[in-house]
Amino acid sequence: MFSNGSMTLADLQTGEQATILSLRGGHGFIGRMAALGFTPGSTVRMMRNSGSGPVIVSVLDTQIALGRGQAAHVQVLAAVSERGAAR
């Protein structure tokens, strides 16, 4: 977790929703991710994160499998749950 309360996409648990804050990487990586809909301000939902291997994320009504390394380069802010606390 970062000092501003954000985390990486790889840190989200199955079922959690978050807003993308930033992407870290080269121009090729950022361009590919943007083409898939991973842009700052977009909302994503973690569909499957088993703790190892790829994760499956829903963005723009599409489910996308990402490698854990790719997901670790996407900084997100988890949505606040019904109880009023993130995560």
Protein backbone atom coordinates (compact mmCIF):
# COMPACT_ATOMS: atom_id res chain seq x y z
CA MET A 1 0.00 0.00 0.00
CA PHE A 2 1.23 3.49 -0.82
CA SER A 3 1.26 6.43 1.61
CA ASN A 4 -1.85 7.94 -0.02
CA GLY A 5 -3.88 4.79 0.71
CA SER A 6 -3.62 3.50 -2.83
CA MET A 7 -2.40 0.05 -3.86
CA THR A 8 -1.64 -1.87 -7.00
CA LEU A 9 -4.22 -3.72 -9.04
CA ALA A 10 -2.48 -6.97 -8.04
CA ASP A 11 -3.32 -6.20 -4.38
CA LEU A 12 -7.10 -6.08 -4.92
CA GLN A 13 -9.08 -9.05 -3.64
CA THR A 14 -11.71 -10.84 -5.72
CA GLY A 15 -14.91 -8.76 -5.86
CA GLU A 16 -13.27 -5.46 -4.91
CA GLN A 17 -13.75 -2.37 -7.05
CA ALA A 18 -11.23 0.43 -7.54
CA THR A 19 -10.43 3.54 -9.56
CA ILE A 20 -7.24 3.63 -11.61
CA LEU A 21 -4.89 6.38 -10.49
CA SER A 22 -1.85 5.81 -12.69
CA LEU A 23 0.13 3.37 -14.81
CA ARG A 24 3.87 2.83 -14.31
CA GLY A 25 5.91 1.56 -17.23
CA GLY A 26 7.21 2.34 -20.67
CA HIS A 27 5.32 3.87 -23.58
CA GLY A 28 4.50 0.47 -25.07
CA PHE A 29 3.02 -0.88 -21.83
CA ILE A 30 1.01 2.27 -21.12
CA GLY A 31 -0.27 2.39 -24.71
CA ARG A 32 -1.40 -1.26 -24.63
CA MET A 33 -3.11 -0.82 -21.28
CA ALA A 34 -4.85 2.36 -22.42
CA ALA A 35 -6.10 0.57 -25.54
CA LEU A 36 -7.69 -2.03 -23.24
CA GLY A 37 -9.41 0.69 -21.18
CA PHE A 38 -6.97 0.95 -18.27
CA THR A 39 -6.80 4.74 -18.05
CA PRO A 40 -6.68 7.02 -14.99
CA GLY A 41 -10.20 7.55 -13.66
CA SER A 42 -11.55 4.26 -15.03
CA THR A 43 -13.33 1.92 -12.63
CA VAL A 44 -12.21 -1.70 -12.47
CA ARG A 45 -13.49 -4.75 -10.59
CA MET A 46 -11.31 -7.69 -9.64
CA MET A 47 -13.06 -10.79 -10.93
CA ARG A 48 -10.40 -13.32 -9.87
CA ASN A 49 -7.25 -13.01 -7.83
CA SER A 50 -6.12 -16.34 -6.44
CA GLY A 51 -2.89 -14.93 -5.03
CA SER A 52 -0.66 -16.40 -7.73
CA GLY A 53 -0.72 -16.43 -11.50
CA PRO A 54 -2.77 -14.09 -13.67
CA VAL A 55 -5.65 -11.95 -12.44
CA ILE A 56 -8.94 -11.36 -14.24
CA VAL A 57 -10.21 -7.79 -14.16
CA SER A 58 -13.43 -6.26 -15.49
CA VAL A 59 -13.01 -2.88 -17.17
CA LEU A 60 -15.48 -1.21 -19.54
CA ASP A 61 -17.79 -4.29 -19.35
CA THR A 62 -14.98 -6.56 -20.58
CA GLN A 63 -13.07 -9.18 -18.60
CA ILE A 64 -9.32 -9.08 -19.22
CA ALA A 65 -6.63 -11.44 -17.94
CA LEU A 66 -3.43 -9.69 -16.87
CA GLY A 67 -0.19 -11.12 -15.62
CA ARG A 68 0.51 -10.38 -11.98
CA GLY A 69 3.55 -8.30 -13.03
CA GLN A 70 1.40 -6.15 -15.31
CA ALA A 71 -1.23 -5.71 -12.60
CA ALA A 72 1.50 -4.59 -10.19
CA HIS A 73 2.22 -1.60 -12.47
CA VAL A 74 -1.34 -0.24 -12.20
CA GLN A 75 -1.89 1.99 -9.16
CA VAL A 76 -5.50 2.04 -7.92
CA LEU A 77 -7.59 3.45 -5.11
CA ALA A 78 -9.99 0.87 -3.68
CA ALA A 79 -13.65 1.87 -3.49
CA VAL A 80 -15.11 2.48 -0.06
CA SER A 81 -17.21 -0.47 1.11
CA GLU A 82 -20.72 -0.24 2.53
CA ARG A 83 -19.21 -0.14 6.05
CA GLY A 84 -17.28 3.01 5.17
CA ALA A 85 -13.77 1.56 5.07
CA ALA A 86 -11.66 0.69 2.08
CA ARG A 87 -10.60 -2.96 1.90
